[in-house]
Amino acid sequence: MMMRLLVIDVRTHDEFSQGHIPGAVHIPIDDLPTRLSEIPKEKSIVSYCNMRHRGNSRGERAAKYLQENGFKAFAIDGGFVEWNHTGLPIERT
């Protein structure tokens, strides 16, 4: 069965390398417009950042941008900080 969910980390390279959600694709927020063609339209997208500016975070802005471009996209509430805080698995590169 094909995975129908794609997790996108929109943080900087340094933030991503320090730890990220397992299997996340790294597309920094500033690169998103030029990399849209890499994102399959048939997948649901979950974006995240560190959620330091709730309501205007990079993850939320990425999800909104993706929605405006025809993707089904959502941001992880609380971002990577909340993911890590709850003890969910992380990867480091």
Protein backbone atom coordinates (compact mmCIF):
# COMPACT_ATOMS: atom_id res chain seq x y z
CA MET A 1 0.00 0.00 0.00
CA MET A 2 1.37 3.41 -0.99
CA MET A 3 1.79 6.01 1.75
CA ARG A 4 -0.62 8.86 1.04
CA LEU A 5 0.91 11.27 3.53
CA LEU A 6 4.01 13.38 3.01
CA VAL A 7 5.67 15.17 5.94
CA ILE A 8 7.62 18.29 5.00
CA ASP A 9 10.06 20.00 7.35
CA VAL A 10 10.22 23.68 6.35
CA ARG A 11 12.95 24.69 8.82
CA THR A 12 16.54 25.64 7.99
CA HIS A 13 19.20 23.07 7.12
CA ASP A 14 20.80 23.44 10.57
CA GLU A 15 17.48 22.92 12.36
CA PHE A 16 16.71 19.87 10.21
CA SER A 17 20.13 18.28 10.80
CA GLN A 18 19.78 18.69 14.58
CA GLY A 19 16.67 16.51 14.54
CA HIS A 20 13.55 15.93 12.48
CA ILE A 21 10.48 13.73 12.23
CA PRO A 22 11.47 10.33 10.77
CA GLY A 23 10.85 10.21 7.03
CA ALA A 24 10.31 13.96 6.70
CA VAL A 25 11.32 15.60 3.45
CA HIS A 26 13.36 18.75 3.96
CA ILE A 27 12.13 21.73 1.92
CA PRO A 28 12.99 25.02 3.62
CA ILE A 29 10.12 27.51 3.49
CA ASP A 30 12.04 29.85 1.16
CA ASP A 31 12.58 26.99 -1.33
CA LEU A 32 8.96 25.85 -1.39
CA PRO A 33 7.85 27.91 -4.44
CA THR A 34 10.65 26.53 -6.64
CA ARG A 35 10.19 22.94 -5.44
CA LEU A 36 6.41 22.54 -5.79
CA SER A 37 6.89 20.20 -8.76
CA GLU A 38 8.63 17.71 -6.44
CA ILE A 39 5.51 17.34 -4.29
CA PRO A 40 2.96 14.76 -5.45
CA LYS A 41 -0.55 16.26 -5.72
CA GLU A 42 -2.20 12.97 -4.71
CA LYS A 43 -0.64 13.01 -1.24
CA SER A 44 -1.85 14.83 1.83
CA ILE A 45 0.88 17.11 3.16
CA VAL A 46 1.79 17.82 6.76
CA SER A 47 4.26 20.66 7.23
CA TYR A 48 6.08 21.67 10.37
CA CYS A 49 8.63 24.05 11.85
CA ASN A 50 9.49 24.92 15.46
CA MET A 51 6.17 26.82 15.85
CA ARG A 52 7.68 29.81 17.63
CA HIS A 53 5.13 32.19 16.13
CA ARG A 54 1.82 30.36 16.39
CA GLY A 55 -0.64 31.79 13.90
CA ASN A 56 2.17 32.88 11.56
CA SER A 57 4.71 30.07 11.84
CA ARG A 58 6.69 28.74 8.90
CA GLY A 59 4.77 25.44 9.07
CA GLU A 60 1.41 27.22 8.99
CA ARG A 61 2.52 29.54 6.17
CA ALA A 62 3.79 26.53 4.18
CA ALA A 63 0.48 24.68 4.64
CA LYS A 64 -1.46 27.76 3.51
CA TYR A 65 0.80 28.22 0.47
CA LEU A 66 0.38 24.56 -0.47
CA GLN A 67 -3.40 24.80 -0.07
CA GLU A 68 -3.43 27.86 -2.34
CA ASN A 69 -1.60 25.77 -4.93
CA GLY A 70 -4.04 22.88 -4.91
CA PHE A 71 -2.58 20.60 -2.25
CA LYS A 72 -4.37 19.13 0.75
CA ALA A 73 -2.03 20.45 3.44
CA PHE A 74 -2.01 21.00 7.19
CA ALA A 75 0.55 22.14 9.78
CA ILE A 76 1.46 20.18 12.89
CA ASP A 77 0.16 22.16 15.86
CA GLY A 78 3.10 22.81 18.15
CA GLY A 79 5.58 21.85 15.45
CA PHE A 80 8.78 19.92 16.01
CA VAL A 81 9.21 21.28 19.52
CA GLU A 82 5.94 19.68 20.63
CA TRP A 83 6.71 16.47 18.70
CA ASN A 84 10.07 16.16 20.48
CA HIS A 85 8.65 17.20 23.87
CA THR A 86 6.12 14.36 23.80
CA GLY A 87 8.87 11.81 23.25
CA LEU A 88 7.93 10.81 19.71
CA PRO A 89 10.82 9.44 17.63
CA ILE A 90 13.24 11.80 15.87
CA GLU A 91 16.07 11.31 13.36
CA ARG A 92 19.33 13.23 13.15
CA THR A 93 21.52 13.67 10.07
